[in-house]
Every structure is written in C-alpha cells, then in structure tokens.
C-alpha cells in the first residue's frame, strides 16, 4: 500500500501519528504489570492530569502502532493508516456507494484521516461518521458474555477523550465541517437508530466483545457490496476476535480475512453477502 507520493496525505499521516516530532519516541507509561508501587504512582499522576513518559529511541510508533503515543492523534501506526487509504481510495475509484465510519475513535485520528481522503478526492456526497462514547471504554459485560467479554479498561484516563476534544482535533486540521457527523454514546444505543443509509468503509476499534458485536449487528448490513470491514484489534484482543468469529459464523460470511499488521485485519464484502 502506498500513498502514490501525495505530499498532503503523507504529511497527514506523519502529523496524525506524531512521527513528525522527535518526541514520538516518548512512550507514555500506563498502569499494568509493572509492580504495585509504579502502578500506584502512574494512577496518582493520571488522576491529577499528569503523565509519566519514558524516552525510548528504538520505539518506532510510525510502523508498529504498538504504543499509546505521547503526541499524535492516532495509535494505529502507518500500516493501518495505509490500509484505510487503500480501502477509501478503492471505494471512491470504483463508485462503491456509502459513507465512512469508525466506531471507537480515541483522539479522532483515523476519522480525521478519512475526512482528509474525501477532501483529497474532492468528494462532496459522502459523510465521515465518528462514533464513540467519548467517555472511554465501558466495563466488560461479563454477565452476558462471560470470559469472552474482555479486559476492563474503563478507568483508564488516557482513553477518555471528550467529544469537544475530538471536534477541536478535526478543526486543527481544517476538517471540521458538515461532512463530519458525530454519534455520541454506547454503540448499542446509538448505532441501531443512526441515520446512516449505506456505508462503503466500516472500521471497528472497540476492543471488547460487546463493543464489536454491537457494531456488526447494527451496521454490517449497511455496508455496500464491494465495501470494506476493517477490524483494528482482531489479532491482539481475544474478545474482539471472538465477536468477529461468532458474527461471521452466525451469518455465514465466507469473505477472506486479510491481515494488515500484527493486530488489524479487513475483508471486502462480496456481492452475494
């Protein structure tokens, strides 16, 4: 996947990843299995709107997308941004009808990039949809899904990015306009009634089983034949993978799942879905 040498799109990628800054090598430390004293200290800092970073020159966030960047608007890395570009370019070139959406947007980087691609192609008749709770991740629904539910990151402050902050991020790139639509709330509540007729690109980044299955149940049938379904966490979150596999089995979906990188995958919706 390439950007065909387009300087605007290449600059967008570098800015969204934060790789244009040397400080991209600063790794934001988050709570985890590092010992209780260090974890307590990180959480205390986060509660006061401070963060702890570590300078790691060898970290290549641009290529891997394996860390939460200190700077930047997305954590997905270059290969998954390239995948978005490939899919959006393909549906526009082939005239596959429908809007673009990401469900689970963090700081908005992927959806900002989608809007930039529409601008680059001078597309005026498609919307970019930005769907998120804008309050962080929900608690895993273990009562309904048991062990499949996923890990609890509901208290992780770095994942809680407000609607207003995401809108400001769009505005920083000059891309906050009438072609950007925001859906605030839990997916089970917002997506079934979302005023979306057709989609050409559906990108999921909800991590948990419930957040993934709710999106697929609500939006998969709106993806036009020839459109794409992209799953950010398929290979790294067992809860996400389980939801995708359960849905595909239930619906008899045979389209080949193609890997993007160490975590992301995608497939193209066939004509006879």
Protein backbone atom coordinates (compact mmCIF):
# COMPACT_ATOMS: atom_id res chain seq x y z
CA UNK A 1 0.00 0.00 0.00
CA UNK A 2 1.36 3.40 -0.92
CA UNK A 3 0.27 7.00 -0.85
CA UNK A 4 1.19 7.45 -4.52
CA UNK A 5 3.61 10.19 -3.47
CA UNK A 6 0.81 12.57 -2.43
CA UNK A 7 2.52 15.11 -0.14
CA UNK A 8 -0.72 16.18 1.59
CA UNK A 9 -1.68 12.62 2.51
CA UNK A 10 1.87 11.78 3.62
CA UNK A 11 2.01 14.87 5.84
CA UNK A 12 -1.37 13.98 7.31
CA UNK A 13 -0.12 10.54 8.26
CA UNK A 14 3.00 11.89 9.95
CA UNK A 15 1.06 14.52 11.87
CA UNK A 16 -1.67 12.11 12.96
CA UNK A 17 0.88 9.53 14.15
CA UNK A 18 3.01 12.21 15.79
CA UNK A 19 6.02 10.83 13.91
CA UNK A 20 6.79 14.29 12.56
CA UNK A 21 8.00 15.14 16.07
CA UNK A 22 11.13 13.78 17.72
CA UNK A 23 9.08 13.39 20.89
CA UNK A 24 7.28 10.49 19.19
CA UNK A 25 9.95 8.36 20.87
CA UNK A 26 8.49 9.29 24.25
CA UNK A 27 6.49 6.30 25.47
CA UNK A 28 3.52 7.16 27.66
CA UNK A 29 3.55 4.75 30.60
CA UNK A 30 0.19 3.36 31.64
CA UNK A 31 -0.92 1.13 34.52
CA UNK A 32 -0.09 -2.53 34.03
CA UNK A 33 2.01 -5.37 35.33
CA UNK A 34 4.94 -3.26 36.46
CA UNK A 35 4.74 -3.62 40.24
CA UNK A 36 2.21 -2.05 42.55
CA UNK A 37 4.32 0.96 43.55
CA UNK A 38 4.91 2.06 39.97
CA UNK A 39 1.30 1.38 39.03
CA UNK A 40 0.04 3.37 42.05
CA UNK A 41 2.30 6.28 41.13
CA UNK A 42 1.14 6.31 37.49
CA UNK A 43 -2.52 6.28 38.55
CA UNK A 44 -1.96 9.08 41.07
CA UNK A 45 -0.34 11.21 38.36
CA UNK A 46 -3.14 10.48 35.90
CA UNK A 47 -5.77 11.50 38.47
CA UNK A 48 -4.11 14.92 38.58
CA UNK A 49 -3.85 15.22 34.80
CA UNK A 50 -0.15 14.38 34.76
CA UNK A 51 1.58 11.64 32.81
CA UNK A 52 4.81 9.70 33.08
CA UNK A 53 6.83 9.20 29.91
CA UNK A 54 9.98 7.26 29.07
CA UNK A 55 12.33 8.13 26.24
CA UNK A 56 12.85 5.02 24.09
CA UNK A 57 14.66 5.92 20.85
CA UNK A 58 14.15 2.47 19.34
CA UNK A 59 10.35 2.65 19.56
CA UNK A 60 9.02 3.01 16.02
CA UNK A 61 5.44 4.02 16.63
CA UNK A 62 5.07 5.03 13.00
CA UNK A 63 5.46 1.49 11.70
CA UNK A 64 4.12 -0.64 14.54
CA UNK A 65 1.39 1.36 16.25
CA UNK A 66 2.04 -0.68 19.41
CA UNK A 67 2.08 2.16 21.94
CA UNK A 68 -0.17 4.98 23.04
CA UNK A 69 1.71 7.96 21.61
CA UNK A 70 2.60 10.87 23.83
CA UNK A 71 1.95 13.10 20.83
CA UNK A 72 -0.26 12.43 17.84
CA UNK A 73 -3.91 11.75 17.22
CA UNK A 74 -3.90 8.02 16.47
CA UNK A 75 -2.19 4.95 17.87
CA UNK A 76 -2.73 2.70 14.85
CA UNK A 77 0.60 3.18 13.06
CA UNK A 78 1.45 3.53 9.38
CA UNK A 79 0.30 0.14 8.06
CA UNK A 80 -3.23 0.57 9.35
CA UNK A 81 -3.36 4.14 8.04
CA UNK A 82 -2.17 2.79 4.68
CA UNK A 83 -4.99 0.26 4.83
CA UNK A 84 -7.57 3.00 5.39
CA UNK A 85 -6.14 4.87 2.42
CA UNK A 86 -6.27 1.78 0.22
CA UNK A 87 -9.87 0.97 1.13
CA UNK A 88 -11.17 4.54 0.80
CA UNK A 89 -9.36 5.07 -2.49
CA UNK A 90 -10.80 1.81 -3.83
CA UNK A 91 -14.44 2.51 -2.98
CA UNK A 92 -14.18 6.03 -4.42
CA UNK A 93 -12.45 4.88 -7.62
CA UNK A 94 -14.96 2.05 -8.15
CA UNK A 95 -18.00 4.07 -7.11
CA UNK A 96 -18.98 1.81 -4.23
CA UNK A 97 -21.77 3.80 -2.54
CA UNK A 98 -21.79 4.73 1.11
CA UNK A 99 -20.29 6.79 3.89
CA UNK A 100 -17.24 6.07 6.04
CA UNK A 101 -17.35 5.32 9.77
CA UNK A 102 -15.09 4.39 12.64
CA UNK A 103 -16.59 3.02 15.85
CA UNK A 104 -14.20 3.81 18.69
CA UNK A 105 -12.10 6.83 17.72
CA UNK A 106 -9.87 7.84 20.70
CA UNK A 107 -8.47 11.26 19.67
CA UNK A 108 -10.12 11.03 16.25
CA UNK A 109 -7.03 10.37 14.14
CA UNK A 110 -8.43 7.69 11.84
CA UNK A 111 -11.62 9.60 11.15
CA UNK A 112 -9.67 12.80 10.57
CA UNK A 113 -7.67 10.84 8.00
CA UNK A 114 -10.86 9.55 6.35
CA UNK A 115 -12.12 13.10 6.02
CA UNK A 116 -8.76 14.17 4.56
CA UNK A 117 -9.03 11.45 1.92
CA UNK A 118 -12.52 12.64 0.94
CA UNK A 119 -11.11 16.15 0.65
CA UNK A 120 -8.18 14.96 -1.45
CA UNK A 121 -10.60 13.28 -3.88
CA UNK A 122 -12.94 16.32 -3.85
CA UNK A 123 -15.79 14.06 -2.70
CA UNK A 124 -18.81 16.05 -1.57
CA UNK A 125 -21.51 13.37 -1.36
CA UNK A 126 -20.17 11.14 1.42
CA UNK A 127 -20.05 11.65 5.18
CA UNK A 128 -17.45 10.60 7.70
CA UNK A 129 -19.09 9.27 10.86
CA UNK A 130 -17.32 9.48 14.23
CA UNK A 131 -18.90 7.06 16.72
CA UNK A 132 -17.72 6.81 20.31
CA UNK A 133 -18.91 7.08 23.89
CA UNK A 134 -16.37 9.92 24.26
CA UNK A 135 -16.17 8.70 27.86
CA UNK A 136 -13.70 5.83 27.46
CA UNK A 137 -14.38 2.11 27.27
CA UNK A 138 -17.37 0.51 29.00
CA UNK A 139 -16.93 -2.17 31.63
CA UNK A 140 -16.81 -5.62 30.03
CA UNK A 141 -20.25 -7.24 30.10
CA UNK A 142 -19.25 -10.44 31.86
CA UNK A 143 -22.84 -11.19 32.90
CA UNK A 144 -23.82 -11.60 29.25
CA UNK A 145 -20.60 -12.72 27.57
CA UNK A 146 -18.58 -14.35 30.34
CA UNK A 147 -14.87 -14.82 29.67
CA UNK A 148 -15.30 -13.51 26.11
CA UNK A 149 -16.15 -10.03 27.41
CA UNK A 150 -12.57 -8.72 27.50
CA UNK A 151 -10.30 -6.75 29.81
CA UNK A 152 -11.54 -3.86 31.94
CA UNK A 153 -10.01 -0.56 30.78
CA UNK A 154 -12.99 1.53 31.81
CA UNK A 155 -10.95 3.50 34.35
CA UNK A 156 -8.02 4.21 32.04
CA UNK A 157 -7.89 8.04 31.81
CA UNK A 158 -5.81 8.26 28.63
CA UNK A 159 -8.64 6.53 26.73
CA UNK A 160 -11.24 9.08 27.83
CA UNK A 161 -11.28 11.76 25.14
CA UNK A 162 -14.28 14.08 25.08
CA UNK A 163 -16.42 14.91 22.06
CA UNK A 164 -15.29 18.51 22.30
CA UNK A 165 -11.62 17.49 22.22
CA UNK A 166 -12.14 15.33 19.13
CA UNK A 167 -14.01 18.15 17.41
CA UNK A 168 -11.14 20.50 18.23
CA UNK A 169 -8.72 17.99 16.71
CA UNK A 170 -10.71 17.98 13.46
CA UNK A 171 -10.67 21.77 13.49
CA UNK A 172 -6.88 21.87 13.91
CA UNK A 173 -6.58 20.18 10.52
CA UNK A 174 -9.25 22.37 8.92
CA UNK A 175 -11.52 19.34 8.53
CA UNK A 176 -14.43 20.06 10.87
CA UNK A 177 -17.34 20.69 8.52
CA UNK A 178 -20.79 19.45 7.52
CA UNK A 179 -19.37 16.22 6.08
CA UNK A 180 -18.36 15.07 9.55
CA UNK A 181 -21.08 13.56 11.74
CA UNK A 182 -20.68 12.59 15.40
CA UNK A 183 -22.53 9.80 17.21
CA UNK A 184 -22.07 10.08 20.98
CA UNK A 185 -23.00 7.20 23.27
CA UNK A 186 -22.69 3.46 23.72
CA UNK A 187 -22.92 1.60 20.42
CA UNK A 188 -25.92 -0.47 21.49
CA UNK A 189 -27.88 2.77 21.90
CA UNK A 190 -26.63 4.96 19.05
CA UNK A 191 -25.93 2.67 16.10
CA UNK A 192 -29.24 0.83 15.57
CA UNK A 193 -31.03 4.15 15.03
CA UNK A 194 -28.16 6.03 13.38
CA UNK A 195 -29.34 7.89 10.25
CA UNK A 196 -26.89 6.02 8.02
CA UNK A 197 -28.26 4.53 4.83
CA UNK A 198 -25.19 2.94 3.26
CA UNK A 199 -21.55 2.51 4.20
CA UNK A 200 -18.58 1.81 1.98
CA UNK A 201 -15.99 1.54 4.78
CA UNK A 202 -16.80 0.27 8.28
CA UNK A 203 -13.86 0.42 10.68
CA UNK A 204 -14.21 -1.10 14.15
CA UNK A 205 -11.95 -0.21 17.08
CA UNK A 206 -13.98 -1.16 20.13
CA UNK A 207 -11.66 -3.77 21.68
CA UNK A 208 -14.33 -5.58 23.71
CA UNK A 209 -16.70 -8.37 22.66
CA UNK A 210 -19.82 -6.30 23.25
CA UNK A 211 -18.45 -3.19 21.53
CA UNK A 212 -17.53 -5.30 18.49
CA UNK A 213 -20.65 -7.46 18.19
CA UNK A 214 -22.98 -4.48 18.68
CA UNK A 215 -21.34 -2.66 15.76
CA UNK A 216 -21.50 -5.66 13.44
CA UNK A 217 -25.13 -6.37 14.26
CA UNK A 218 -26.13 -2.75 13.71
CA UNK A 219 -24.03 -1.77 10.71
CA UNK A 220 -22.80 -4.77 8.73
CA UNK A 221 -25.93 -4.97 6.58
CA UNK A 222 -25.46 -1.33 5.60
CA UNK A 223 -22.05 -1.98 4.02
CA UNK A 224 -22.41 -1.96 0.25
CA UNK A 225 -21.15 -4.92 -1.79
CA UNK A 226 -17.55 -4.10 -2.66
CA UNK A 227 -17.15 -2.12 0.55
CA UNK A 228 -14.77 -2.95 3.37
CA UNK A 229 -14.93 -4.03 7.01
CA UNK A 230 -11.77 -3.21 8.98
CA UNK A 231 -11.18 -4.57 12.48
CA UNK A 232 -8.40 -2.86 14.40
CA UNK A 233 -7.97 -5.34 17.27
CA UNK A 234 -8.58 -8.74 15.67
CA UNK A 235 -5.20 -10.34 16.38
CA UNK A 236 -4.43 -8.65 19.70
CA UNK A 237 -7.73 -8.75 21.61
CA UNK A 238 -9.26 -12.22 22.02
CA UNK A 239 -12.59 -10.62 22.95
CA UNK A 240 -12.69 -8.73 19.66
CA UNK A 241 -11.65 -11.77 17.63
CA UNK A 242 -14.29 -13.93 19.31
CA UNK A 243 -17.03 -11.41 18.47
CA UNK A 244 -15.96 -11.24 14.82
CA UNK A 245 -15.77 -15.01 14.50
CA UNK A 246 -19.14 -15.53 16.19
CA UNK A 247 -20.81 -12.98 13.94
CA UNK A 248 -19.27 -14.33 10.74
CA UNK A 249 -20.24 -17.88 11.66
CA UNK A 250 -23.79 -16.89 12.52
CA UNK A 251 -24.17 -15.01 9.25
CA UNK A 252 -22.27 -17.50 7.11
CA UNK A 253 -19.74 -14.90 5.95
CA UNK A 254 -17.02 -16.56 3.88
CA UNK A 255 -15.09 -13.49 2.68
CA UNK A 256 -11.38 -13.97 3.35
CA UNK A 257 -9.98 -12.18 6.38
CA UNK A 258 -6.78 -10.43 5.34
CA UNK A 259 -4.13 -9.30 7.86
CA UNK A 260 -2.95 -5.69 7.89
CA UNK A 261 -0.24 -5.88 10.54
CA UNK A 262 0.29 -7.50 13.93
CA UNK A 263 -3.24 -6.66 15.10
CA UNK A 264 -5.52 -5.34 12.33
CA UNK A 265 -7.44 -7.22 9.66
CA UNK A 266 -10.02 -6.48 6.97
CA UNK A 267 -12.26 -8.11 4.43
CA UNK A 268 -14.23 -6.98 1.39
CA UNK A 269 -17.97 -7.51 1.40
CA UNK A 270 -18.85 -9.76 -1.56
CA UNK A 271 -21.72 -9.10 -3.97
CA UNK A 272 -23.71 -12.00 -2.56
CA UNK A 273 -23.28 -11.18 1.12
